Amino acid sequence: MDKVEVDFENKLATITMKEGATLSEETLKKAFEDSRFSVEKFESNDSDGDKTDGDDSNAVVQAVHKATITGMT
């Protein structure tokens, strides 16, 4: 994981993974097992950088995941 931003007002956690790493909804839900929090909604978006002429071999891909977390106060 590269960084996490938490918006308590909207109960939203934005998780930015390190280059080449991803996070599955199942893994995130497991992380909250036995806690007062749970994942209500999960979205994943890969952002491409330095991608040129359609060649993916040198593309920088950073996965950004957004999760709505219940139990936040």
C-alpha atoms as a PDB file:
ATOM      1  CA  MET A   1       0.000   0.000   0.000  1.00  0.00           C
ATOM      2  CA  ASP A   2       1.267   3.454  -0.871  1.00  0.00           C
ATOM      3  CA  LYS A   3      -1.238   5.642   1.003  1.00  0.00           C
ATOM      4  CA  VAL A   4      -4.694   5.686   2.570  1.00  0.00           C
ATOM      5  CA  GLU A   5      -6.997   8.681   2.777  1.00  0.00           C
ATOM      6  CA  VAL A   6     -10.047   8.490   5.055  1.00  0.00           C
ATOM      7  CA  ASP A   7     -13.082  10.739   4.659  1.00  0.00           C
ATOM      8  CA  PHE A   8     -14.993  10.165   7.915  1.00  0.00           C
ATOM      9  CA  GLU A   9     -17.897  12.390   6.894  1.00  0.00           C
ATOM     10  CA  ASN A  10     -18.653  10.261   3.823  1.00  0.00           C
ATOM     11  CA  LYS A  11     -17.383   6.980   5.362  1.00  0.00           C
ATOM     12  CA  LEU A  12     -14.989   6.539   2.448  1.00  0.00           C
ATOM     13  CA  ALA A  13     -11.465   5.127   2.480  1.00  0.00           C
ATOM     14  CA  THR A  14      -9.322   5.668  -0.619  1.00  0.00           C
ATOM     15  CA  ILE A  15      -6.468   3.172  -0.784  1.00  0.00           C
ATOM     16  CA  THR A  16      -3.660   3.758  -3.273  1.00  0.00           C
ATOM     17  CA  MET A  17      -1.483   0.725  -3.837  1.00  0.00           C
ATOM     18  CA  LYS A  18       2.205   0.748  -4.693  1.00  0.00           C
ATOM     19  CA  GLU A  19       3.048   0.373  -8.366  1.00  0.00           C
ATOM     20  CA  GLY A  20       2.161  -3.106  -9.603  1.00  0.00           C
ATOM     21  CA  ALA A  21       0.234  -4.087  -6.438  1.00  0.00           C
ATOM     22  CA  THR A  22      -3.525  -4.576  -6.218  1.00  0.00           C
ATOM     23  CA  LEU A  23      -6.090  -5.170  -3.509  1.00  0.00           C
ATOM     24  CA  SER A  24      -9.119  -7.418  -3.805  1.00  0.00           C
ATOM     25  CA  GLU A  25     -12.456  -6.808  -2.142  1.00  0.00           C
ATOM     26  CA  GLU A  26     -12.147 -10.189  -0.426  1.00  0.00           C
ATOM     27  CA  THR A  27      -8.773  -9.251   1.099  1.00  0.00           C
ATOM     28  CA  LEU A  28     -10.106  -5.916   2.344  1.00  0.00           C
ATOM     29  CA  LYS A  29     -13.181  -7.551   3.878  1.00  0.00           C
ATOM     30  CA  LYS A  30     -10.938 -10.084   5.635  1.00  0.00           C
ATOM     31  CA  ALA A  31      -8.906  -7.236   7.110  1.00  0.00           C
ATOM     32  CA  PHE A  32     -12.042  -5.964   8.870  1.00  0.00           C
ATOM     33  CA  GLU A  33     -13.147  -9.364  10.250  1.00  0.00           C
ATOM     34  CA  ASP A  34     -13.737  -9.321  14.008  1.00  0.00           C
ATOM     35  CA  SER A  35     -13.932  -5.524  14.087  1.00  0.00           C
ATOM     36  CA  ARG A  36     -16.793  -3.053  14.268  1.00  0.00           C
ATOM     37  CA  PHE A  37     -16.111  -2.016  10.666  1.00  0.00           C
ATOM     38  CA  SER A  38     -17.243  -3.645   7.430  1.00  0.00           C
ATOM     39  CA  VAL A  39     -16.913  -2.962   3.715  1.00  0.00           C
ATOM     40  CA  GLU A  40     -20.224  -1.807   2.240  1.00  0.00           C
ATOM     41  CA  LYS A  41     -19.016  -0.893  -1.256  1.00  0.00           C
ATOM     42  CA  PHE A  42     -15.751  -1.509  -3.128  1.00  0.00           C
ATOM     43  CA  GLU A  43     -14.547   0.117  -6.356  1.00  0.00           C
ATOM     44  CA  SER A  44     -11.268  -0.394  -8.152  1.00  0.00           C
ATOM     45  CA  ASN A  45      -9.662   1.897 -10.715  1.00  0.00           C
ATOM     46  CA  ASP A  46      -6.238   1.454 -12.316  1.00  0.00           C
ATOM     47  CA  SER A  47      -4.595   4.711 -13.355  1.00  0.00           C
ATOM     48  CA  ASP A  48      -2.019   4.539 -16.138  1.00  0.00           C
ATOM     49  CA  GLY A  49       0.924   6.858 -16.338  1.00  0.00           C
ATOM     50  CA  ASP A  50       3.736   7.220 -18.859  1.00  0.00           C
ATOM     51  CA  LYS A  51       1.888   5.006 -21.301  1.00  0.00           C
ATOM     52  CA  THR A  52       2.913   5.655 -24.879  1.00  0.00           C
ATOM     53  CA  ASP A  53       1.964   4.366 -28.339  1.00  0.00           C
ATOM     54  CA  GLY A  54      -0.268   1.595 -27.005  1.00  0.00           C
ATOM     55  CA  ASP A  55       2.655  -0.440 -25.636  1.00  0.00           C
ATOM     56  CA  ASP A  56       1.748  -1.626 -22.115  1.00  0.00           C
ATOM     57  CA  SER A  57       5.163  -3.158 -21.392  1.00  0.00           C
ATOM     58  CA  ASN A  58       6.542   0.077 -19.895  1.00  0.00           C
ATOM     59  CA  ALA A  59       3.307   1.402 -18.431  1.00  0.00           C
ATOM     60  CA  VAL A  60       3.206   2.515 -14.828  1.00  0.00           C
ATOM     61  CA  VAL A  61       0.012   1.201 -13.267  1.00  0.00           C
ATOM     62  CA  GLN A  62      -1.117   2.273  -9.844  1.00  0.00           C
ATOM     63  CA  ALA A  63      -4.320   0.745  -8.509  1.00  0.00           C
ATOM     64  CA  VAL A  64      -6.669   3.017  -6.584  1.00  0.00           C
ATOM     65  CA  HIS A  65      -9.452   1.435  -4.569  1.00  0.00           C
ATOM     66  CA  LYS A  66     -12.365   3.194  -2.911  1.00  0.00           C
ATOM     67  CA  ALA A  67     -14.298   1.474  -0.144  1.00  0.00           C
ATOM     68  CA  THR A  68     -17.339   2.666   1.764  1.00  0.00           C
ATOM     69  CA  ILE A  69     -16.804   1.502   5.341  1.00  0.00           C
ATOM     70  CA  THR A  70     -19.662   1.056   7.796  1.00  0.00           C
ATOM     71  CA  GLY A  71     -19.065   1.498  11.519  1.00  0.00           C
ATOM     72  CA  MET A  72     -17.118   4.752  11.167  1.00  0.00           C
ATOM     73  CA  THR A  73     -18.150   7.495  13.558  1.00  0.00           C
END
